[in-house]
Amino acid sequence: MAHMPQWLMRSFAVVGVVATLAVLVGFERVILSPADAACKTVLMNAKGTAGATVTVDSTAGGITVLDALTSRCGALVQNEAGGGDMRGASGTLAPTTTVGVLIQAGQSLSLGLEAQQLVKCIRTGATSATVSTVEQRT
C-alpha cells in the first residue's frame, strides 16, 4: 500500500470527526428533544416518595417506575450505579428476570413517545436496583 500524504490523512480525520458529531447530534435530537413543542415540563422521580429514587426488587410482575400517561413526551429510566441489573417492560408485558430490556447498573433506557405506556422493572439478580426517572411532559 502506498504511503498517504499527511494532509490527506488529516482530511480523513476531520471528515470522521464531523461525521461522528453529526450522528451524535442527530441521536441527541431523536432521544432528548420533545416530540411536540408543547413538551416543556420536566419531572424527576415522579413515582418516588417526595422525589426519591424507586427501589426495584423481585416483586412478581415488576415495580412500576412510570405510570401510563398520554401527556408524557419522553422519559429516561436510569438504573443507578452500585445496585443490581434489572429488566424493564412496557404496556401489558410484565418483566421477569429473563423478559424485558436489560438495563445494567449504571446504564439507562431512553424512551420517546413509547414512554406514554406503563413501564415496570424487576431486578435480575440477588441485589435490588435503584431507579431514577426523568420525564418530559406537556
Protein backbone atom coordinates (compact mmCIF):
# COMPACT_ATOMS: atom_id res chain seq x y z
CA MET A 1 0.00 0.00 0.00
CA ALA A 2 1.35 3.45 -0.93
CA HIS A 3 2.17 5.98 1.76
CA MET A 4 -0.59 8.59 2.18
CA PRO A 5 0.37 12.26 2.46
CA GLN A 6 -0.12 13.83 5.91
CA TRP A 7 -2.61 16.41 4.60
CA LEU A 8 -4.80 13.61 3.22
CA MET A 9 -4.72 11.69 6.49
CA ARG A 10 -5.68 14.87 8.39
CA SER A 11 -8.54 15.45 5.94
CA PHE A 12 -9.89 11.95 6.59
CA ALA A 13 -9.61 12.54 10.34
CA VAL A 14 -11.54 15.82 10.13
CA VAL A 15 -14.25 14.22 7.98
CA GLY A 16 -14.51 11.38 10.51
CA VAL A 17 -14.89 13.76 13.45
CA VAL A 18 -17.52 15.85 11.63
CA ALA A 19 -19.46 12.71 10.66
CA THR A 20 -19.34 11.41 14.23
CA LEU A 21 -20.59 14.74 15.62
CA ALA A 22 -23.39 14.82 13.07
CA VAL A 23 -24.52 11.35 14.11
CA LEU A 24 -24.34 12.21 17.82
CA VAL A 25 -26.28 15.45 17.35
CA GLY A 26 -28.87 13.54 15.33
CA PHE A 27 -29.21 10.93 18.09
CA GLU A 28 -29.46 13.67 20.70
CA ARG A 29 -32.36 15.19 18.81
CA VAL A 30 -34.12 11.85 18.49
CA ILE A 31 -33.54 10.85 22.12
CA LEU A 32 -33.68 14.11 24.04
CA SER A 33 -35.83 16.53 22.07
CA PRO A 34 -39.55 16.75 22.70
CA ALA A 35 -41.86 15.11 20.21
CA ASP A 36 -44.03 18.19 20.47
CA ALA A 37 -43.05 21.83 21.06
CA ALA A 38 -45.53 21.88 23.96
CA CYS A 39 -43.40 19.44 25.97
CA LYS A 40 -41.87 21.91 28.40
CA THR A 41 -42.33 20.33 31.84
CA VAL A 42 -39.61 18.12 33.29
CA LEU A 43 -40.31 15.89 36.30
CA MET A 44 -37.77 13.81 38.14
CA ASN A 45 -38.60 10.69 40.13
CA ALA A 46 -42.35 11.27 39.93
CA LYS A 47 -43.05 7.75 41.29
CA GLY A 48 -40.65 8.10 44.21
CA THR A 49 -41.86 9.35 47.58
CA ALA A 50 -41.09 13.09 47.74
CA GLY A 51 -38.98 12.78 44.58
CA ALA A 52 -36.81 9.95 45.91
CA THR A 53 -35.50 7.12 43.76
CA VAL A 54 -37.52 3.91 43.44
CA THR A 55 -36.19 0.55 44.65
CA VAL A 56 -36.71 -2.25 42.16
CA ASP A 57 -36.84 -5.65 43.81
CA SER A 58 -38.02 -9.11 42.78
CA THR A 59 -41.77 -8.44 43.16
CA ALA A 60 -43.62 -10.63 40.66
CA GLY A 61 -44.87 -8.56 37.72
CA GLY A 62 -42.34 -5.80 38.39
CA ILE A 63 -42.30 -2.44 40.14
CA THR A 64 -43.97 0.48 38.34
CA VAL A 65 -41.40 3.16 37.58
CA LEU A 66 -43.59 5.15 35.13
CA ASP A 67 -47.38 5.23 35.19
CA ALA A 68 -49.21 5.29 31.86
CA LEU A 69 -49.63 8.95 30.90
CA THR A 70 -50.60 10.35 27.49
CA SER A 71 -49.15 13.80 28.25
CA ARG A 72 -45.62 12.34 28.57
CA CYS A 73 -43.40 13.14 25.57
CA GLY A 74 -40.37 11.14 26.60
CA ALA A 75 -38.55 9.68 29.59
CA LEU A 76 -35.24 8.36 30.82
CA VAL A 77 -35.10 5.38 33.18
CA GLN A 78 -31.71 5.30 34.92
CA ASN A 79 -30.52 2.23 36.83
CA GLU A 80 -28.19 3.87 39.34
CA ALA A 81 -24.69 2.51 39.77
CA GLY A 82 -24.00 0.32 42.80
CA GLY A 83 -27.16 -1.77 42.59
CA GLY A 84 -28.09 -4.82 40.60
CA ASP A 85 -29.08 -5.20 36.97
CA MET A 86 -32.77 -5.06 36.07
CA ARG A 87 -35.15 -5.64 33.19
CA GLY A 88 -37.85 -3.23 32.07
CA ALA A 89 -41.03 -3.77 30.09
CA SER A 90 -43.82 -1.51 28.93
CA GLY A 91 -47.52 -1.77 28.23
CA THR A 92 -49.07 -5.10 29.18
CA LEU A 93 -45.78 -7.04 29.13
CA ALA A 94 -44.67 -7.94 32.66
CA PRO A 95 -40.90 -8.04 33.15
CA THR A 96 -39.23 -11.12 34.59
CA THR A 97 -35.58 -11.97 35.19
CA THR A 98 -35.42 -13.09 31.53
CA VAL A 99 -38.16 -10.99 29.83
CA GLY A 100 -37.79 -7.31 29.02
CA VAL A 101 -34.97 -4.94 28.16
CA LEU A 102 -31.84 -5.47 30.26
CA ILE A 103 -30.70 -2.26 31.98
CA GLN A 104 -27.41 -2.87 33.72
CA ALA A 105 -26.37 -0.99 36.85
CA GLY A 106 -25.16 2.47 35.84
CA GLN A 107 -26.99 2.34 32.49
CA SER A 108 -30.21 3.96 31.31
CA LEU A 109 -33.07 3.42 28.90
CA SER A 110 -34.24 6.39 26.84
CA LEU A 111 -37.86 6.40 25.69
CA GLY A 112 -39.71 8.62 23.23
CA LEU A 113 -43.48 8.56 22.87
CA GLU A 114 -43.47 4.91 23.99
CA ALA A 115 -42.91 6.39 27.47
CA GLN A 116 -46.65 7.11 27.49
CA GLN A 117 -47.17 3.45 28.37
CA LEU A 118 -46.86 1.90 31.81
CA VAL A 119 -43.22 0.92 32.49
CA LYS A 120 -42.32 -1.72 35.07
CA CYS A 121 -38.94 -3.10 36.12
CA ILE A 122 -37.68 -6.13 38.06
CA ARG A 123 -34.20 -6.95 39.35
CA THR A 124 -32.42 -9.81 37.62
CA GLY A 125 -30.18 -10.99 40.47
CA ALA A 126 -29.90 -11.00 44.24
CA THR A 127 -29.29 -7.24 44.58
CA SER A 128 -32.13 -4.72 44.21
CA ALA A 129 -31.76 -1.88 41.73
CA THR A 130 -32.26 1.82 42.43
CA VAL A 131 -34.07 3.73 39.67
CA SER A 132 -34.21 7.42 38.87
CA THR A 133 -36.54 8.74 36.19
CA VAL A 134 -36.68 11.96 34.22
CA GLU A 135 -39.90 12.68 32.34
CA GLN A 136 -40.76 15.30 29.77
CA ARG A 137 -44.44 16.28 29.76
CA THR A 138 -46.79 18.75 28.15
